[in-house]
Amino acid sequence: MRKRSLNQRANIIIALIVTVIVIGGWGLTLARRIGTVNPHIKIERGREDELLARAKEVEIKAISQMMTGEVAVTADRLRGACALALAASIVSVSDKPANTATLLQKIIDKTLLPPGMTRTGERQVETDLDVMSVRSQLSPLKIEVVSIAKEQRFGPGLVVRLAADLFEGQGAQLWVSNTLDRVVLPPPFAPEQELSALGWRQEQFAAAQRENGK
């Protein structure tokens, strides 16, 4: 029994490390898909100062859109969902709460609830950007955080999973909804085939990182 407990703790630690990698990998993937804005302004003789100023204005607007657009907002939501999943996994291992409602309360009591989040239900927290549902299971240990954006411009739905028994020893998974509207909330720990049928796709971070490393 003790050996199983130690193995489970080791698997969870691996899951936490993988989750950190997931955040970076997913951000790189989005950036590659959307690309960057590189405005080109043709400068005519006698109007250099005016056109240079205009080019600078266009560049500033482009950077601002990248920093506040859907990609940046979704990345913020992902970081929040991962942070909440990490807190839930830590409390689950240390305290073994009887149910998800108790788990969420213990997260709050231990001041592990990430900044900007407010509990709005037994198994639910909210931010200015999204509503997150927390799902948990003790044996085998599984944590799932589902993030649904409050507005379409805040990006797609997200499902962050941490579990000791995920296939191929990954320890963590990220699923993203295929649409921005009418996102179907999946049942807790739904099988991968069911998630796909409900309009979700799994992001392959390891593959994305290998491509970026070439």
N, C-alpha and C. Protein backbone atom coordinates (compact mmCIF):
# COMPACT_ATOMS: atom_id res chain seq x y z
N MET A 1 0.83 -1.21 0.00
CA MET A 1 0.00 0.00 0.00
C MET A 1 0.86 1.26 0.00
N ARG A 2 1.91 1.24 0.84
CA ARG A 2 2.80 2.39 0.90
C ARG A 2 3.51 2.60 -0.42
N LYS A 3 3.92 1.46 -1.06
CA LYS A 3 4.60 1.56 -2.34
C LYS A 3 3.69 2.18 -3.38
N ARG A 4 2.40 1.78 -3.37
CA ARG A 4 1.45 2.35 -4.32
C ARG A 4 1.30 3.85 -4.09
N SER A 5 1.25 4.26 -2.80
CA SER A 5 1.11 5.68 -2.49
C SER A 5 2.31 6.48 -2.99
N LEU A 6 3.52 5.91 -2.80
CA LEU A 6 4.72 6.60 -3.27
C LEU A 6 4.73 6.70 -4.78
N ASN A 7 4.33 5.64 -5.45
CA ASN A 7 4.27 5.66 -6.90
C ASN A 7 3.28 6.70 -7.40
N GLN A 8 2.15 6.77 -6.72
CA GLN A 8 1.13 7.75 -7.12
C GLN A 8 1.67 9.17 -6.94
N ARG A 9 2.35 9.42 -5.84
CA ARG A 9 2.93 10.75 -5.62
C ARG A 9 3.95 11.08 -6.70
N ALA A 10 4.78 10.09 -7.05
CA ALA A 10 5.77 10.31 -8.11
C ALA A 10 5.10 10.64 -9.42
N ASN A 11 4.03 9.93 -9.73
CA ASN A 11 3.31 10.19 -10.98
C ASN A 11 2.72 11.58 -11.01
N ILE A 12 2.20 12.02 -9.85
CA ILE A 12 1.62 13.36 -9.78
C ILE A 12 2.70 14.41 -9.97
N ILE A 13 3.88 14.21 -9.38
CA ILE A 13 4.97 15.17 -9.55
C ILE A 13 5.34 15.27 -11.02
N ILE A 14 5.41 14.11 -11.69
CA ILE A 14 5.68 14.11 -13.13
C ILE A 14 4.60 14.90 -13.87
N ALA A 15 3.35 14.70 -13.45
CA ALA A 15 2.24 15.41 -14.09
C ALA A 15 2.39 16.91 -13.93
N LEU A 16 2.85 17.36 -12.76
CA LEU A 16 3.03 18.80 -12.53
C LEU A 16 4.09 19.36 -13.46
N ILE A 17 5.19 18.63 -13.61
CA ILE A 17 6.27 19.08 -14.49
C ILE A 17 5.77 19.16 -15.93
N VAL A 18 5.05 18.12 -16.35
CA VAL A 18 4.54 18.09 -17.71
C VAL A 18 3.60 19.25 -17.96
N THR A 19 2.81 19.62 -16.94
CA THR A 19 1.86 20.71 -17.10
C THR A 19 2.56 22.03 -17.39
N VAL A 20 3.70 22.26 -16.72
CA VAL A 20 4.48 23.47 -16.99
C VAL A 20 4.93 23.49 -18.45
N ILE A 21 5.38 22.32 -18.94
CA ILE A 21 5.79 22.21 -20.33
C ILE A 21 4.61 22.46 -21.26
N VAL A 22 3.44 21.96 -20.85
CA VAL A 22 2.22 22.13 -21.65
C VAL A 22 1.93 23.59 -21.90
N ILE A 23 2.05 24.42 -20.86
CA ILE A 23 1.73 25.84 -20.99
C ILE A 23 2.60 26.49 -22.06
N GLY A 24 3.92 26.25 -21.98
CA GLY A 24 4.82 26.83 -22.96
C GLY A 24 4.59 26.29 -24.35
N GLY A 25 4.41 24.97 -24.45
CA GLY A 25 4.21 24.36 -25.75
C GLY A 25 2.96 24.83 -26.43
N TRP A 26 1.88 24.98 -25.66
CA TRP A 26 0.62 25.41 -26.26
C TRP A 26 0.72 26.85 -26.75
N GLY A 27 1.42 27.70 -25.96
CA GLY A 27 1.59 29.08 -26.39
C GLY A 27 2.38 29.18 -27.68
N LEU A 28 3.44 28.36 -27.78
CA LEU A 28 4.23 28.36 -29.01
C LEU A 28 3.41 27.90 -30.20
N THR A 29 2.58 26.89 -29.97
CA THR A 29 1.73 26.37 -31.05
C THR A 29 0.79 27.45 -31.57
N LEU A 30 0.14 28.18 -30.65
CA LEU A 30 -0.78 29.23 -31.07
C LEU A 30 -0.05 30.34 -31.81
N ALA A 31 1.11 30.70 -31.29
CA ALA A 31 1.85 31.78 -31.93
C ALA A 31 2.24 31.39 -33.34
N ARG A 32 2.62 30.12 -33.54
CA ARG A 32 3.01 29.67 -34.86
C ARG A 32 1.82 29.68 -35.81
N ARG A 33 0.63 29.30 -35.30
CA ARG A 33 -0.56 29.25 -36.15
C ARG A 33 -0.98 30.63 -36.61
N ILE A 34 -0.96 31.58 -35.67
CA ILE A 34 -1.48 32.91 -35.97
C ILE A 34 -0.42 33.80 -36.62
N GLY A 35 0.82 33.59 -36.21
CA GLY A 35 1.90 34.38 -36.80
C GLY A 35 2.05 35.72 -36.13
N THR A 36 2.98 36.51 -36.62
CA THR A 36 3.21 37.84 -36.07
C THR A 36 2.93 38.89 -37.13
N VAL A 37 2.72 40.09 -36.67
CA VAL A 37 2.42 41.19 -37.59
C VAL A 37 3.69 42.00 -37.81
N ASN A 38 4.05 42.18 -39.04
CA ASN A 38 5.26 42.92 -39.38
C ASN A 38 4.91 43.96 -40.45
N PRO A 39 4.39 45.11 -40.05
CA PRO A 39 3.93 46.10 -41.03
C PRO A 39 5.08 46.67 -41.85
N HIS A 40 4.85 46.87 -43.15
CA HIS A 40 5.84 47.46 -44.03
C HIS A 40 5.29 48.80 -44.55
N ILE A 41 6.04 49.85 -44.38
CA ILE A 41 5.65 51.17 -44.84
C ILE A 41 6.69 51.67 -45.85
N LYS A 42 6.25 52.07 -47.03
CA LYS A 42 7.15 52.62 -48.03
C LYS A 42 7.35 54.10 -47.75
N ILE A 43 8.58 54.50 -47.53
CA ILE A 43 8.89 55.88 -47.16
C ILE A 43 9.23 56.69 -48.41
N GLU A 44 8.49 57.75 -48.60
CA GLU A 44 8.72 58.62 -49.74
C GLU A 44 9.56 59.81 -49.32
N ARG A 45 10.36 60.31 -50.25
CA ARG A 45 11.24 61.43 -49.97
C ARG A 45 10.44 62.66 -49.55
N GLY A 46 10.89 63.33 -48.47
CA GLY A 46 10.23 64.53 -47.98
C GLY A 46 9.16 64.26 -46.94
N ARG A 47 8.79 62.98 -46.77
CA ARG A 47 7.74 62.67 -45.79
C ARG A 47 8.24 61.64 -44.78
N GLU A 48 9.57 61.56 -44.63
CA GLU A 48 10.14 60.51 -43.79
C GLU A 48 9.61 60.54 -42.36
N ASP A 49 9.63 61.72 -41.74
CA ASP A 49 9.24 61.82 -40.34
C ASP A 49 7.78 61.41 -40.14
N GLU A 50 6.90 61.91 -41.03
CA GLU A 50 5.48 61.61 -40.91
C GLU A 50 5.22 60.12 -41.08
N LEU A 51 5.84 59.52 -42.09
CA LEU A 51 5.60 58.11 -42.37
C LEU A 51 6.25 57.21 -41.34
N LEU A 52 7.40 57.61 -40.83
CA LEU A 52 8.02 56.83 -39.77
C LEU A 52 7.15 56.83 -38.52
N ALA A 53 6.56 57.98 -38.22
CA ALA A 53 5.66 58.06 -37.07
C ALA A 53 4.43 57.18 -37.28
N ARG A 54 3.92 57.18 -38.53
CA ARG A 54 2.76 56.36 -38.84
C ARG A 54 3.12 54.87 -38.74
N ALA A 55 4.30 54.53 -39.22
CA ALA A 55 4.74 53.13 -39.13
C ALA A 55 4.87 52.70 -37.68
N LYS A 56 5.39 53.59 -36.85
CA LYS A 56 5.53 53.27 -35.42
C LYS A 56 4.16 53.07 -34.78
N GLU A 57 3.20 53.90 -35.18
CA GLU A 57 1.84 53.77 -34.64
C GLU A 57 1.22 52.43 -35.03
N VAL A 58 1.40 52.05 -36.31
CA VAL A 58 0.88 50.77 -36.77
C VAL A 58 1.53 49.63 -35.99
N GLU A 59 2.84 49.72 -35.77
CA GLU A 59 3.56 48.66 -35.04
C GLU A 59 3.05 48.55 -33.61
N ILE A 60 2.84 49.69 -32.96
CA ILE A 60 2.36 49.68 -31.58
C ILE A 60 0.97 49.06 -31.52
N LYS A 61 0.10 49.40 -32.47
CA LYS A 61 -1.24 48.82 -32.49
C LYS A 61 -1.19 47.31 -32.72
N ALA A 62 -0.28 46.89 -33.60
CA ALA A 62 -0.15 45.46 -33.88
C ALA A 62 0.29 44.71 -32.64
N ILE A 63 1.28 45.25 -31.95
CA ILE A 63 1.77 44.60 -30.72
C ILE A 63 0.67 44.57 -29.67
N SER A 64 -0.07 45.68 -29.56
CA SER A 64 -1.16 45.74 -28.58
C SER A 64 -2.21 44.68 -28.86
N GLN A 65 -2.55 44.49 -30.13
CA GLN A 65 -3.54 43.47 -30.50
C GLN A 65 -3.05 42.07 -30.16
N MET A 66 -1.76 41.82 -30.36
CA MET A 66 -1.20 40.52 -30.03
C MET A 66 -1.23 40.26 -28.53
N MET A 67 -0.96 41.32 -27.75
CA MET A 67 -0.89 41.16 -26.29
C MET A 67 -2.26 41.06 -25.65
N THR A 68 -3.29 41.61 -26.29
CA THR A 68 -4.62 41.63 -25.69
C THR A 68 -5.64 40.83 -26.49
N GLY A 69 -5.22 40.21 -27.58
CA GLY A 69 -6.13 39.47 -28.43
C GLY A 69 -6.46 38.09 -27.89
N GLU A 70 -7.12 37.31 -28.75
CA GLU A 70 -7.61 35.99 -28.35
C GLU A 70 -6.49 35.07 -27.89
N VAL A 71 -5.35 35.11 -28.58
CA VAL A 71 -4.24 34.21 -28.22
C VAL A 71 -3.75 34.51 -26.81
N ALA A 72 -3.49 35.79 -26.53
CA ALA A 72 -2.97 36.17 -25.21
C ALA A 72 -3.98 35.87 -24.12
N VAL A 73 -5.25 36.17 -24.37
CA VAL A 73 -6.29 35.93 -23.36
C VAL A 73 -6.45 34.44 -23.10
N THR A 74 -6.45 33.64 -24.17
CA THR A 74 -6.58 32.20 -24.00
C THR A 74 -5.39 31.63 -23.25
N ALA A 75 -4.19 32.17 -23.52
CA ALA A 75 -3.01 31.72 -22.79
C ALA A 75 -3.13 32.04 -21.31
N ASP A 76 -3.69 33.21 -20.97
CA ASP A 76 -3.93 33.56 -19.57
C ASP A 76 -4.92 32.58 -18.93
N ARG A 77 -5.96 32.24 -19.68
CA ARG A 77 -6.95 31.28 -19.16
C ARG A 77 -6.32 29.92 -18.94
N LEU A 78 -5.46 29.52 -19.86
CA LEU A 78 -4.79 28.23 -19.73
C LEU A 78 -3.90 28.20 -18.49
N ARG A 79 -3.16 29.27 -18.27
CA ARG A 79 -2.32 29.34 -17.08
C ARG A 79 -3.16 29.23 -15.81
N GLY A 80 -4.32 29.90 -15.81
CA GLY A 80 -5.19 29.82 -14.64
C GLY A 80 -5.74 28.43 -14.41
N ALA A 81 -6.19 27.78 -15.50
CA ALA A 81 -6.73 26.42 -15.38
C ALA A 81 -5.67 25.45 -14.92
N CYS A 82 -4.44 25.59 -15.44
CA CYS A 82 -3.35 24.71 -15.01
C CYS A 82 -2.99 24.95 -13.55
N ALA A 83 -2.96 26.22 -13.14
CA ALA A 83 -2.65 26.53 -11.74
C ALA A 83 -3.69 25.93 -10.80
N LEU A 84 -4.96 26.00 -11.20
CA LEU A 84 -6.02 25.43 -10.37
C LEU A 84 -5.91 23.91 -10.34
N ALA A 85 -5.59 23.30 -11.47
CA ALA A 85 -5.42 21.84 -11.52
C ALA A 85 -4.25 21.40 -10.65
N LEU A 86 -3.17 22.18 -10.67
CA LEU A 86 -2.01 21.86 -9.84
C LEU A 86 -2.36 21.94 -8.36
N ALA A 87 -3.06 23.00 -7.98
CA ALA A 87 -3.47 23.15 -6.58
C ALA A 87 -4.37 22.00 -6.16
N ALA A 88 -5.29 21.61 -7.04
CA ALA A 88 -6.19 20.50 -6.73
C ALA A 88 -5.44 19.19 -6.56
N SER A 89 -4.44 18.95 -7.41
CA SER A 89 -3.68 17.71 -7.31
C SER A 89 -2.85 17.66 -6.03
N ILE A 90 -2.26 18.79 -5.66
CA ILE A 90 -1.47 18.84 -4.43
C ILE A 90 -2.33 18.56 -3.21
N VAL A 91 -3.50 19.22 -3.13
CA VAL A 91 -4.39 19.02 -2.00
C VAL A 91 -4.96 17.60 -1.99
N SER A 92 -5.24 17.06 -3.16
CA SER A 92 -5.77 15.70 -3.24
C SER A 92 -4.78 14.69 -2.67
N VAL A 93 -3.49 14.87 -3.00
CA VAL A 93 -2.46 13.96 -2.52
C VAL A 93 -2.24 14.12 -1.02
N SER A 94 -2.24 15.36 -0.54
CA SER A 94 -1.90 15.61 0.87
C SER A 94 -3.07 15.40 1.82
N ASP A 95 -4.28 15.79 1.39
CA ASP A 95 -5.43 15.77 2.30
C ASP A 95 -6.46 14.69 2.00
N LYS A 96 -6.45 14.17 0.78
CA LYS A 96 -7.43 13.16 0.36
C LYS A 96 -8.86 13.56 0.70
N PRO A 97 -9.33 14.69 0.17
CA PRO A 97 -10.70 15.15 0.45
C PRO A 97 -11.75 14.18 -0.06
N ALA A 98 -12.88 14.13 0.63
CA ALA A 98 -13.92 13.15 0.33
C ALA A 98 -14.59 13.39 -1.02
N ASN A 99 -14.69 14.66 -1.43
CA ASN A 99 -15.36 14.98 -2.70
C ASN A 99 -14.79 16.29 -3.25
N THR A 100 -15.26 16.65 -4.44
CA THR A 100 -14.72 17.83 -5.11
C THR A 100 -15.06 19.12 -4.37
N ALA A 101 -16.25 19.19 -3.80
CA ALA A 101 -16.64 20.39 -3.06
C ALA A 101 -15.70 20.61 -1.88
N THR A 102 -15.39 19.55 -1.16
CA THR A 102 -14.45 19.64 -0.04
C THR A 102 -13.05 19.99 -0.54
N LEU A 103 -12.67 19.41 -1.67
CA LEU A 103 -11.36 19.71 -2.26
C LEU A 103 -11.24 21.20 -2.55
N LEU A 104 -12.25 21.78 -3.17
CA LEU A 104 -12.19 23.19 -3.52
C LEU A 104 -12.12 24.06 -2.27
N GLN A 105 -12.85 23.68 -1.23
CA GLN A 105 -12.81 24.45 0.01
C GLN A 105 -11.43 24.37 0.65
N LYS A 106 -10.80 23.20 0.60
CA LYS A 106 -9.46 23.06 1.18
C LYS A 106 -8.45 23.88 0.39
N ILE A 107 -8.63 23.96 -0.94
CA ILE A 107 -7.75 24.81 -1.74
C ILE A 107 -7.85 26.26 -1.27
N ILE A 108 -9.08 26.70 -0.99
CA ILE A 108 -9.30 28.07 -0.52
C ILE A 108 -8.71 28.25 0.88
N ASP A 109 -8.94 27.28 1.77
CA ASP A 109 -8.44 27.37 3.14
C ASP A 109 -6.93 27.44 3.19
N LYS A 110 -6.28 26.74 2.26
CA LYS A 110 -4.82 26.73 2.23
C LYS A 110 -4.26 27.87 1.40
N THR A 111 -5.14 28.81 0.98
CA THR A 111 -4.76 29.97 0.16
C THR A 111 -4.03 29.54 -1.12
N LEU A 112 -4.48 28.44 -1.71
CA LEU A 112 -3.89 27.95 -2.95
C LEU A 112 -4.73 28.33 -4.18
N LEU A 113 -5.87 28.96 -3.96
CA LEU A 113 -6.69 29.39 -5.09
C LEU A 113 -5.95 30.50 -5.82
N PRO A 114 -5.69 30.33 -7.13
CA PRO A 114 -4.92 31.33 -7.87
C PRO A 114 -5.57 32.71 -7.81
N PRO A 115 -4.78 33.77 -7.89
CA PRO A 115 -5.31 35.14 -7.85
C PRO A 115 -6.32 35.38 -8.95
N GLY A 116 -7.32 36.18 -8.63
CA GLY A 116 -8.33 36.54 -9.62
C GLY A 116 -9.47 35.56 -9.73
N MET A 117 -9.42 34.45 -8.97
CA MET A 117 -10.48 33.45 -9.02
C MET A 117 -11.39 33.58 -7.80
N THR A 118 -12.69 33.39 -8.04
CA THR A 118 -13.69 33.44 -6.98
C THR A 118 -14.56 32.20 -7.05
N ARG A 119 -14.77 31.57 -5.91
CA ARG A 119 -15.66 30.40 -5.90
C ARG A 119 -17.10 30.86 -6.06
N THR A 120 -17.81 30.26 -7.02
CA THR A 120 -19.20 30.64 -7.28
C THR A 120 -20.14 29.44 -7.20
N GLY A 121 -19.63 28.29 -6.82
CA GLY A 121 -20.45 27.09 -6.69
C GLY A 121 -19.67 26.02 -5.97
N GLU A 122 -20.32 24.88 -5.72
CA GLU A 122 -19.65 23.81 -5.00
C GLU A 122 -18.39 23.35 -5.72
N ARG A 123 -18.45 23.29 -7.04
CA ARG A 123 -17.33 22.79 -7.84
C ARG A 123 -16.93 23.78 -8.93
N GLN A 124 -17.19 25.05 -8.69
CA GLN A 124 -17.01 26.04 -9.75
C GLN A 124 -16.33 27.30 -9.24
N VAL A 125 -15.43 27.84 -10.07
CA VAL A 125 -14.82 29.14 -9.80
C VAL A 125 -14.93 29.99 -11.06
N GLU A 126 -14.81 31.29 -10.88
CA GLU A 126 -14.91 32.20 -12.02
C GLU A 126 -13.80 33.23 -11.97
N THR A 127 -13.44 33.72 -13.15
CA THR A 127 -12.57 34.88 -13.29
C THR A 127 -13.30 35.89 -14.17
N ASP A 128 -12.65 36.98 -14.50
CA ASP A 128 -13.26 37.95 -15.40
C ASP A 128 -13.40 37.38 -16.81
N LEU A 129 -12.64 36.32 -17.11
CA LEU A 129 -12.59 35.78 -18.47
C LEU A 129 -13.39 34.50 -18.66
N ASP A 130 -13.49 33.68 -17.62
CA ASP A 130 -14.09 32.36 -17.82
C ASP A 130 -14.74 31.80 -16.57
N VAL A 131 -15.44 30.69 -16.78
CA VAL A 131 -16.03 29.91 -15.69
C VAL A 131 -15.35 28.55 -15.71
N MET A 132 -14.82 28.12 -14.57
CA MET A 132 -14.08 26.87 -14.50
C MET A 132 -14.79 25.87 -13.59
N SER A 133 -14.98 24.67 -14.11
CA SER A 133 -15.55 23.57 -13.35
C SER A 133 -14.42 22.63 -12.94
N VAL A 134 -14.42 22.24 -11.66
CA VAL A 134 -13.38 21.35 -11.14
C VAL A 134 -13.98 19.96 -10.94
N ARG A 135 -13.30 18.95 -11.46
CA ARG A 135 -13.71 17.56 -11.25
C ARG A 135 -12.55 16.82 -10.60
N SER A 136 -12.84 15.88 -9.72
CA SER A 136 -11.77 15.14 -9.06
C SER A 136 -12.20 13.72 -8.76
N GLN A 137 -11.20 12.85 -8.67
CA GLN A 137 -11.39 11.45 -8.32
C GLN A 137 -10.15 11.01 -7.56
N LEU A 138 -10.36 10.31 -6.44
CA LEU A 138 -9.22 9.94 -5.60
C LEU A 138 -8.52 8.66 -6.03
N SER A 139 -9.28 7.66 -6.46
CA SER A 139 -8.67 6.38 -6.78
C SER A 139 -9.21 5.81 -8.08
N PRO A 140 -8.36 5.77 -9.12
CA PRO A 140 -7.03 6.40 -9.20
C PRO A 140 -7.17 7.92 -9.25
N LEU A 141 -6.15 8.61 -8.81
CA LEU A 141 -6.22 10.06 -8.70
C LEU A 141 -6.34 10.71 -10.07
N LYS A 142 -7.39 11.53 -10.24
CA LYS A 142 -7.61 12.27 -11.48
C LYS A 142 -8.13 13.67 -11.13
N ILE A 143 -7.63 14.65 -11.84
CA ILE A 143 -8.08 16.04 -11.69
C ILE A 143 -8.42 16.56 -13.08
N GLU A 144 -9.52 17.26 -13.16
CA GLU A 144 -9.93 17.85 -14.44
C GLU A 144 -10.49 19.24 -14.18
N VAL A 145 -10.00 20.21 -14.95
CA VAL A 145 -10.52 21.58 -14.89
C VAL A 145 -11.01 21.95 -16.28
N VAL A 146 -12.29 22.32 -16.36
CA VAL A 146 -12.89 22.72 -17.64
C VAL A 146 -13.13 24.22 -17.61
N SER A 147 -12.54 24.93 -18.55
CA SER A 147 -12.67 26.38 -18.64
C SER A 147 -13.52 26.76 -19.85
N ILE A 148 -14.63 27.47 -19.59
CA ILE A 148 -15.50 27.96 -20.66
C ILE A 148 -15.45 29.49 -20.63
N ALA A 149 -15.07 30.08 -21.76
CA ALA A 149 -14.93 31.53 -21.83
C ALA A 149 -16.29 32.21 -21.67
N LYS A 150 -16.27 33.36 -21.03
CA LYS A 150 -17.51 34.13 -20.85
C LYS A 150 -17.94 34.82 -22.13
N GLU A 151 -17.00 35.09 -23.02
CA GLU A 151 -17.31 35.70 -24.31
C GLU A 151 -16.49 35.01 -25.38
N GLN A 152 -16.99 34.99 -26.61
CA GLN A 152 -16.28 34.32 -27.70
C GLN A 152 -14.88 34.88 -27.91
N ARG A 153 -14.74 36.20 -27.71
CA ARG A 153 -13.43 36.82 -27.96
C ARG A 153 -12.38 36.38 -26.94
N PHE A 154 -12.81 35.68 -25.90
CA PHE A 154 -11.86 35.19 -24.89
C PHE A 154 -11.34 33.80 -25.22
N GLY A 155 -11.71 33.27 -26.38
CA GLY A 155 -11.10 32.04 -26.83
C GLY A 155 -11.96 30.80 -26.66
N PRO A 156 -11.41 29.65 -27.06
CA PRO A 156 -12.17 28.38 -27.03
C PRO A 156 -12.25 27.80 -25.63
N GLY A 157 -13.06 26.73 -25.52
CA GLY A 157 -13.12 25.99 -24.27
C GLY A 157 -11.83 25.21 -24.05
N LEU A 158 -11.47 25.00 -22.78
CA LEU A 158 -10.24 24.28 -22.44
C LEU A 158 -10.55 23.19 -21.42
N VAL A 159 -9.93 22.04 -21.57
CA VAL A 159 -10.00 20.98 -20.57
C VAL A 159 -8.57 20.59 -20.21
N VAL A 160 -8.20 20.81 -18.95
CA VAL A 160 -6.89 20.42 -18.45
C VAL A 160 -7.07 19.19 -17.57
N ARG A 161 -6.33 18.13 -17.89
CA ARG A 161 -6.43 16.88 -17.13
C ARG A 161 -5.07 16.51 -16.53
N LEU A 162 -5.08 16.18 -15.25
CA LEU A 162 -3.92 15.61 -14.58
C LEU A 162 -4.33 14.27 -14.02
N ALA A 163 -3.57 13.24 -14.31
CA ALA A 163 -3.91 11.91 -13.79
C ALA A 163 -2.68 11.03 -13.79
N ALA A 164 -2.64 10.12 -12.81
CA ALA A 164 -1.49 9.23 -12.68
C ALA A 164 -1.53 8.11 -13.70
N ASP A 165 -2.68 7.86 -14.32
CA ASP A 165 -2.80 6.70 -15.21
C ASP A 165 -3.13 7.08 -16.65
N LEU A 166 -2.81 8.32 -17.06
CA LEU A 166 -3.04 8.69 -18.45
C LEU A 166 -2.12 7.88 -19.35
N PHE A 167 -2.60 7.61 -20.58
CA PHE A 167 -1.85 6.74 -21.47
C PHE A 167 -0.46 7.29 -21.77
N GLU A 168 0.46 6.39 -22.03
CA GLU A 168 1.84 6.70 -22.39
C GLU A 168 2.56 7.50 -21.32
N GLY A 169 2.05 7.47 -20.09
CA GLY A 169 2.74 8.12 -18.99
C GLY A 169 2.84 9.62 -19.09
N GLN A 170 1.98 10.25 -19.90
CA GLN A 170 2.07 11.70 -20.06
C GLN A 170 1.75 12.43 -18.76
N GLY A 171 0.76 11.95 -18.03
CA GLY A 171 0.41 12.60 -16.77
C GLY A 171 -0.47 13.82 -16.92
N ALA A 172 -0.50 14.42 -18.11
CA ALA A 172 -1.31 15.62 -18.32
C ALA A 172 -1.82 15.66 -19.74
N GLN A 173 -3.00 16.22 -19.91
CA GLN A 173 -3.59 16.38 -21.23
C GLN A 173 -4.27 17.74 -21.32
N LEU A 174 -4.32 18.27 -22.52
CA LEU A 174 -5.07 19.50 -22.80
C LEU A 174 -5.97 19.25 -23.99
N TRP A 175 -7.25 19.58 -23.81
CA TRP A 175 -8.23 19.50 -24.90
C TRP A 175 -8.78 20.89 -25.15
N VAL A 176 -8.99 21.22 -26.43
CA VAL A 176 -9.46 22.54 -26.83
C VAL A 176 -10.70 22.36 -27.70
N SER A 177 -11.72 23.18 -27.45
CA SER A 177 -12.95 23.08 -28.25
C SER A 177 -12.69 23.55 -29.67
N ASN A 178 -13.38 22.96 -30.62
CA ASN A 178 -13.21 23.30 -32.02
C ASN A 178 -13.93 24.59 -32.41
N THR A 179 -14.84 25.04 -31.56
CA THR A 179 -15.61 26.25 -31.85
C THR A 179 -15.54 27.21 -30.67
N LEU A 180 -15.88 28.46 -30.94
CA LEU A 180 -15.91 29.48 -29.89
C LEU A 180 -17.29 29.65 -29.28
N ASP A 181 -18.32 29.21 -30.01
CA ASP A 181 -19.68 29.35 -29.50
C ASP A 181 -20.32 27.97 -29.34
N ARG A 182 -21.32 27.91 -28.50
CA ARG A 182 -22.06 26.68 -28.24
C ARG A 182 -21.13 25.51 -27.86
N VAL A 183 -20.17 25.82 -27.01
CA VAL A 183 -19.23 24.79 -26.56
C VAL A 183 -19.97 23.81 -25.66
N VAL A 184 -19.88 22.52 -25.96
CA VAL A 184 -20.56 21.49 -25.18
C VAL A 184 -19.68 21.09 -24.00
N LEU A 185 -20.20 21.26 -22.79
CA LEU A 185 -19.46 20.89 -21.58
C LEU A 185 -19.40 19.37 -21.49
N PRO A 186 -18.20 18.78 -21.53
CA PRO A 186 -18.11 17.31 -21.51
C PRO A 186 -18.39 16.74 -20.13
N PRO A 187 -18.87 15.50 -20.05
CA PRO A 187 -19.05 14.84 -18.75
C PRO A 187 -17.69 14.69 -18.06
N PRO A 188 -17.67 14.55 -16.74
CA PRO A 188 -16.40 14.38 -16.04
C PRO A 188 -15.61 13.18 -16.56
N PHE A 189 -14.35 13.42 -16.88
CA PHE A 189 -13.42 12.37 -17.30
C PHE A 189 -13.97 11.54 -18.48
N ALA A 190 -14.61 12.23 -19.40
CA ALA A 190 -15.17 11.55 -20.58
C ALA A 190 -14.04 10.90 -21.37
N PRO A 191 -14.29 9.71 -21.95
CA PRO A 191 -13.28 9.06 -22.79
C PRO A 191 -12.89 9.95 -23.96
N GLU A 192 -11.71 9.73 -24.49
CA GLU A 192 -11.21 10.56 -25.58
C GLU A 192 -12.14 10.54 -26.79
N GLN A 193 -12.69 9.37 -27.10
CA GLN A 193 -13.60 9.28 -28.24
C GLN A 193 -14.83 10.15 -28.04
N GLU A 194 -15.32 10.19 -26.81
CA GLU A 194 -16.50 11.01 -26.53
C GLU A 194 -16.17 12.49 -26.61
N LEU A 195 -15.00 12.87 -26.11
CA LEU A 195 -14.58 14.26 -26.20
C LEU A 195 -14.50 14.70 -27.67
N SER A 196 -13.91 13.87 -28.49
CA SER A 196 -13.80 14.19 -29.92
C SER A 196 -15.18 14.33 -30.55
N ALA A 197 -16.09 13.44 -30.18
CA ALA A 197 -17.44 13.49 -30.75
C ALA A 197 -18.19 14.75 -30.30
N LEU A 198 -17.84 15.28 -29.14
CA LEU A 198 -18.50 16.47 -28.62
C LEU A 198 -17.87 17.77 -29.14
N GLY A 199 -16.86 17.64 -30.01
CA GLY A 199 -16.28 18.83 -30.62
C GLY A 199 -15.03 19.35 -29.93
N TRP A 200 -14.25 18.45 -29.32
CA TRP A 200 -13.00 18.83 -28.68
C TRP A 200 -11.84 18.12 -29.38
N ARG A 201 -10.69 18.75 -29.39
CA ARG A 201 -9.49 18.15 -29.97
C ARG A 201 -8.35 18.21 -28.94
N GLN A 202 -7.49 17.22 -28.98
CA GLN A 202 -6.35 17.20 -28.07
C GLN A 202 -5.16 17.89 -28.71
N GLU A 203 -4.49 18.74 -27.95
CA GLU A 203 -3.29 19.41 -28.43
C GLU A 203 -2.07 18.52 -28.16
N GLN A 204 -1.22 18.38 -29.16
CA GLN A 204 -0.03 17.54 -29.06
C GLN A 204 1.19 18.42 -28.78
N PHE A 205 1.45 18.67 -27.52
CA PHE A 205 2.54 19.58 -27.15
C PHE A 205 3.91 19.05 -27.48
N ALA A 206 4.12 17.76 -27.21
CA ALA A 206 5.44 17.18 -27.46
C ALA A 206 5.83 17.32 -28.92
N ALA A 207 4.86 17.05 -29.81
CA ALA A 207 5.13 17.17 -31.24
C ALA A 207 5.44 18.61 -31.61
N ALA A 208 4.67 19.55 -31.03
CA ALA A 208 4.89 20.95 -31.34
C ALA A 208 6.28 21.38 -30.90
N GLN A 209 6.72 20.90 -29.72
CA GLN A 209 8.02 21.29 -29.22
C GLN A 209 9.13 20.70 -30.09
N ARG A 210 8.96 19.47 -30.58
CA ARG A 210 9.98 18.88 -31.45
C ARG A 210 10.11 19.69 -32.73
N GLU A 211 8.96 20.15 -33.27
CA GLU A 211 9.00 20.93 -34.50
C GLU A 211 9.73 22.25 -34.27
N ASN A 212 9.46 22.89 -33.09
CA ASN A 212 10.12 24.15 -32.81
C ASN A 212 11.60 23.99 -32.55
N GLY A 213 12.00 22.78 -32.13
CA GLY A 213 13.40 22.55 -31.82
C GLY A 213 14.24 22.22 -33.03
N LYS A 214 13.62 22.00 -34.18
CA LYS A 214 14.38 21.65 -35.38
C LYS A 214 15.15 22.85 -35.90
